Amino acid sequence: MVTQLNNFGAVVNAKGEMELRFNEFLFELVRQVNQNAPLTGTGSPEGAVKAEPPRIYFDTSAAAGSNLYVKKTGADNTGWQLV
């Protein structure tokens, strides 16, 4: 069992309970991963999917080579570019 991370401190206390600081770290890590996770859907995101750059979108109904988009500009539903 991991009980300490470098420069972070205790992961669990003597009772085997997760330390609050480590719990907060994990919560923030999960929030960041979820916030930046690729988006998926069917069809082009242009005019349909609102996001902020740099976000990735996979069109699950498109053929290989025409299914990956990157949000380049704006915070609305435009500014997606096919990669």
N, C-alpha and C. Protein backbone atom coordinates (compact mmCIF):
# COMPACT_ATOMS: atom_id res chain seq x y z
N MET A 1 0.84 -1.18 0.00
CA MET A 1 0.00 0.00 0.00
C MET A 1 0.89 1.25 0.00
N VAL A 2 0.56 2.23 -0.83
CA VAL A 2 1.28 3.49 -0.87
C VAL A 2 0.85 4.32 0.33
N THR A 3 1.79 4.74 1.13
CA THR A 3 1.47 5.55 2.30
C THR A 3 1.97 6.98 2.19
N GLN A 4 2.86 7.27 1.21
CA GLN A 4 3.38 8.62 1.06
C GLN A 4 3.83 8.83 -0.38
N LEU A 5 3.56 10.02 -0.90
CA LEU A 5 4.04 10.41 -2.22
C LEU A 5 5.13 11.45 -2.03
N ASN A 6 6.10 11.47 -2.90
CA ASN A 6 7.19 12.45 -2.81
C ASN A 6 6.63 13.86 -2.75
N ASN A 7 7.10 14.64 -1.81
CA ASN A 7 6.73 16.05 -1.66
C ASN A 7 5.24 16.28 -1.45
N PHE A 8 4.51 15.28 -1.11
CA PHE A 8 3.08 15.46 -0.92
C PHE A 8 2.67 15.21 0.52
N GLY A 9 3.31 14.25 1.17
CA GLY A 9 2.95 13.92 2.53
C GLY A 9 2.18 12.62 2.59
N ALA A 10 1.53 12.40 3.70
CA ALA A 10 0.82 11.15 3.93
C ALA A 10 -0.37 10.99 3.01
N VAL A 11 -0.55 9.78 2.51
CA VAL A 11 -1.70 9.43 1.69
C VAL A 11 -2.80 8.89 2.61
N VAL A 12 -2.41 8.07 3.55
CA VAL A 12 -3.34 7.52 4.55
C VAL A 12 -2.78 7.77 5.94
N ASN A 13 -3.67 7.82 6.92
CA ASN A 13 -3.22 8.00 8.29
C ASN A 13 -2.98 6.65 8.95
N ALA A 14 -2.65 6.67 10.23
CA ALA A 14 -2.35 5.43 10.95
C ALA A 14 -3.53 4.48 11.00
N LYS A 15 -4.74 5.00 10.84
CA LYS A 15 -5.95 4.16 10.85
C LYS A 15 -6.26 3.59 9.47
N GLY A 16 -5.45 3.94 8.48
CA GLY A 16 -5.69 3.47 7.12
C GLY A 16 -6.71 4.29 6.37
N GLU A 17 -7.06 5.47 6.89
CA GLU A 17 -8.03 6.37 6.25
C GLU A 17 -7.30 7.35 5.34
N MET A 18 -7.91 7.68 4.22
CA MET A 18 -7.29 8.62 3.29
C MET A 18 -7.21 10.00 3.93
N GLU A 19 -6.04 10.60 3.86
CA GLU A 19 -5.86 11.95 4.38
C GLU A 19 -6.66 12.94 3.55
N LEU A 20 -7.21 13.96 4.19
CA LEU A 20 -8.04 14.94 3.52
C LEU A 20 -7.29 15.63 2.39
N ARG A 21 -6.02 15.99 2.61
CA ARG A 21 -5.25 16.67 1.57
C ARG A 21 -5.12 15.81 0.32
N PHE A 22 -4.89 14.51 0.51
CA PHE A 22 -4.78 13.61 -0.63
C PHE A 22 -6.14 13.45 -1.31
N ASN A 23 -7.20 13.38 -0.53
CA ASN A 23 -8.54 13.27 -1.08
C ASN A 23 -8.86 14.50 -1.95
N GLU A 24 -8.51 15.67 -1.48
CA GLU A 24 -8.73 16.90 -2.25
C GLU A 24 -7.90 16.89 -3.54
N PHE A 25 -6.68 16.39 -3.45
CA PHE A 25 -5.83 16.26 -4.64
C PHE A 25 -6.49 15.35 -5.67
N LEU A 26 -7.00 14.20 -5.24
CA LEU A 26 -7.66 13.28 -6.16
C LEU A 26 -8.90 13.90 -6.78
N PHE A 27 -9.68 14.61 -5.98
CA PHE A 27 -10.88 15.27 -6.50
C PHE A 27 -10.52 16.26 -7.61
N GLU A 28 -9.48 17.07 -7.37
CA GLU A 28 -9.05 18.05 -8.37
C GLU A 28 -8.51 17.36 -9.62
N LEU A 29 -7.78 16.29 -9.45
CA LEU A 29 -7.25 15.53 -10.58
C LEU A 29 -8.39 15.00 -11.45
N VAL A 30 -9.38 14.40 -10.84
CA VAL A 30 -10.54 13.87 -11.58
C VAL A 30 -11.29 15.00 -12.27
N ARG A 31 -11.44 16.14 -11.60
CA ARG A 31 -12.13 17.29 -12.21
C ARG A 31 -11.39 17.76 -13.45
N GLN A 32 -10.06 17.86 -13.37
CA GLN A 32 -9.26 18.32 -14.51
C GLN A 32 -9.34 17.33 -15.67
N VAL A 33 -9.26 16.05 -15.37
CA VAL A 33 -9.35 15.03 -16.43
C VAL A 33 -10.71 15.10 -17.10
N ASN A 34 -11.77 15.18 -16.33
CA ASN A 34 -13.12 15.23 -16.90
C ASN A 34 -13.35 16.50 -17.70
N GLN A 35 -12.79 17.61 -17.23
CA GLN A 35 -12.95 18.88 -17.91
C GLN A 35 -12.26 18.87 -19.27
N ASN A 36 -11.18 18.13 -19.39
CA ASN A 36 -10.40 18.13 -20.63
C ASN A 36 -10.54 16.85 -21.44
N ALA A 37 -11.46 16.00 -21.05
CA ALA A 37 -11.66 14.75 -21.76
C ALA A 37 -12.19 15.04 -23.17
N PRO A 38 -11.81 14.24 -24.14
CA PRO A 38 -12.33 14.43 -25.50
C PRO A 38 -13.85 14.30 -25.54
N LEU A 39 -14.47 15.09 -26.38
CA LEU A 39 -15.92 15.01 -26.59
C LEU A 39 -16.19 14.05 -27.73
N THR A 40 -17.33 13.40 -27.71
CA THR A 40 -17.73 12.51 -28.81
C THR A 40 -19.16 12.80 -29.20
N GLY A 41 -19.46 12.47 -30.42
CA GLY A 41 -20.81 12.63 -30.93
C GLY A 41 -20.88 12.16 -32.36
N THR A 42 -22.04 12.33 -32.98
CA THR A 42 -22.20 11.96 -34.38
C THR A 42 -22.39 13.22 -35.20
N GLY A 43 -21.62 13.32 -36.26
CA GLY A 43 -21.66 14.50 -37.11
C GLY A 43 -20.65 15.54 -36.68
N SER A 44 -20.52 16.55 -37.49
CA SER A 44 -19.59 17.63 -37.23
C SER A 44 -20.01 18.42 -35.99
N PRO A 45 -19.05 18.85 -35.18
CA PRO A 45 -19.40 19.67 -34.02
C PRO A 45 -19.67 21.14 -34.38
N GLU A 46 -19.24 21.54 -35.59
CA GLU A 46 -19.38 22.94 -36.01
C GLU A 46 -20.86 23.35 -35.99
N GLY A 47 -21.15 24.36 -35.20
CA GLY A 47 -22.51 24.86 -35.07
C GLY A 47 -23.39 24.04 -34.12
N ALA A 48 -22.82 22.98 -33.53
CA ALA A 48 -23.63 22.11 -32.68
C ALA A 48 -23.06 21.88 -31.29
N VAL A 49 -21.74 21.94 -31.14
CA VAL A 49 -21.11 21.61 -29.85
C VAL A 49 -20.38 22.83 -29.31
N LYS A 50 -20.79 23.26 -28.12
CA LYS A 50 -20.18 24.41 -27.46
C LYS A 50 -19.00 23.94 -26.61
N ALA A 51 -17.85 24.59 -26.78
CA ALA A 51 -16.66 24.25 -26.01
C ALA A 51 -15.65 25.38 -26.10
N GLU A 52 -14.61 25.29 -25.30
CA GLU A 52 -13.52 26.26 -25.35
C GLU A 52 -12.26 25.56 -25.85
N PRO A 53 -11.39 26.30 -26.58
CA PRO A 53 -10.13 25.71 -27.04
C PRO A 53 -9.21 25.40 -25.87
N PRO A 54 -8.33 24.48 -25.99
CA PRO A 54 -8.19 23.50 -27.06
C PRO A 54 -8.93 22.23 -26.68
N ARG A 55 -10.02 21.97 -27.29
CA ARG A 55 -10.83 20.78 -26.99
C ARG A 55 -10.82 19.87 -28.20
N ILE A 56 -10.93 18.58 -27.97
CA ILE A 56 -10.93 17.58 -29.05
C ILE A 56 -12.31 16.96 -29.13
N TYR A 57 -12.74 16.67 -30.36
CA TYR A 57 -14.04 16.06 -30.59
C TYR A 57 -13.86 14.92 -31.60
N PHE A 58 -14.42 13.76 -31.28
CA PHE A 58 -14.42 12.62 -32.19
C PHE A 58 -15.82 12.41 -32.75
N ASP A 59 -15.94 12.41 -34.07
CA ASP A 59 -17.21 12.10 -34.73
C ASP A 59 -17.26 10.58 -34.88
N THR A 60 -18.10 9.93 -34.09
CA THR A 60 -18.14 8.47 -34.07
C THR A 60 -18.83 7.88 -35.29
N SER A 61 -19.45 8.72 -36.12
CA SER A 61 -20.13 8.19 -37.31
C SER A 61 -19.33 8.42 -38.59
N ALA A 62 -18.19 9.08 -38.50
CA ALA A 62 -17.41 9.42 -39.70
C ALA A 62 -16.37 8.34 -39.99
N ALA A 63 -15.91 8.35 -41.23
CA ALA A 63 -14.86 7.43 -41.66
C ALA A 63 -13.52 7.88 -41.09
N ALA A 64 -12.60 6.94 -40.99
CA ALA A 64 -11.25 7.27 -40.52
C ALA A 64 -10.66 8.37 -41.37
N GLY A 65 -10.00 9.31 -40.74
CA GLY A 65 -9.41 10.43 -41.46
C GLY A 65 -10.30 11.64 -41.53
N SER A 66 -11.55 11.49 -41.17
CA SER A 66 -12.47 12.64 -41.18
C SER A 66 -13.30 12.67 -39.90
N ASN A 67 -12.71 12.18 -38.81
CA ASN A 67 -13.49 12.09 -37.58
C ASN A 67 -12.92 12.85 -36.39
N LEU A 68 -11.80 13.53 -36.55
CA LEU A 68 -11.17 14.23 -35.44
C LEU A 68 -11.20 15.73 -35.68
N TYR A 69 -11.76 16.46 -34.72
CA TYR A 69 -11.84 17.92 -34.79
C TYR A 69 -11.14 18.51 -33.57
N VAL A 70 -10.57 19.71 -33.76
CA VAL A 70 -9.97 20.45 -32.67
C VAL A 70 -10.64 21.82 -32.61
N LYS A 71 -11.02 22.21 -31.41
CA LYS A 71 -11.61 23.53 -31.20
C LYS A 71 -10.49 24.55 -31.21
N LYS A 72 -10.49 25.44 -32.20
CA LYS A 72 -9.41 26.40 -32.38
C LYS A 72 -9.72 27.78 -31.82
N THR A 73 -10.97 28.23 -31.96
CA THR A 73 -11.30 29.60 -31.55
C THR A 73 -12.66 29.65 -30.87
N GLY A 74 -12.83 30.71 -30.08
CA GLY A 74 -14.12 31.01 -29.48
C GLY A 74 -14.55 30.08 -28.36
N ALA A 75 -15.66 30.44 -27.71
CA ALA A 75 -16.21 29.65 -26.62
C ALA A 75 -17.64 29.22 -26.92
N ASP A 76 -18.07 29.43 -28.16
CA ASP A 76 -19.43 29.04 -28.54
C ASP A 76 -19.39 27.72 -29.32
N ASN A 77 -20.31 27.54 -30.24
CA ASN A 77 -20.37 26.27 -30.99
C ASN A 77 -19.71 26.35 -32.37
N THR A 78 -18.93 27.39 -32.61
CA THR A 78 -18.19 27.49 -33.87
C THR A 78 -16.70 27.52 -33.56
N GLY A 79 -15.88 27.38 -34.59
CA GLY A 79 -14.43 27.41 -34.42
C GLY A 79 -13.79 26.04 -34.39
N TRP A 80 -14.54 25.01 -34.79
CA TRP A 80 -14.00 23.64 -34.86
C TRP A 80 -13.28 23.44 -36.18
N GLN A 81 -12.14 22.75 -36.15
CA GLN A 81 -11.39 22.47 -37.37
C GLN A 81 -11.14 20.98 -37.49
N LEU A 82 -11.46 20.44 -38.67
CA LEU A 82 -11.20 19.04 -38.95
C LEU A 82 -9.69 18.83 -39.06
N VAL A 83 -9.17 17.83 -38.39
CA VAL A 83 -7.73 17.58 -38.39
C VAL A 83 -7.41 16.49 -39.39
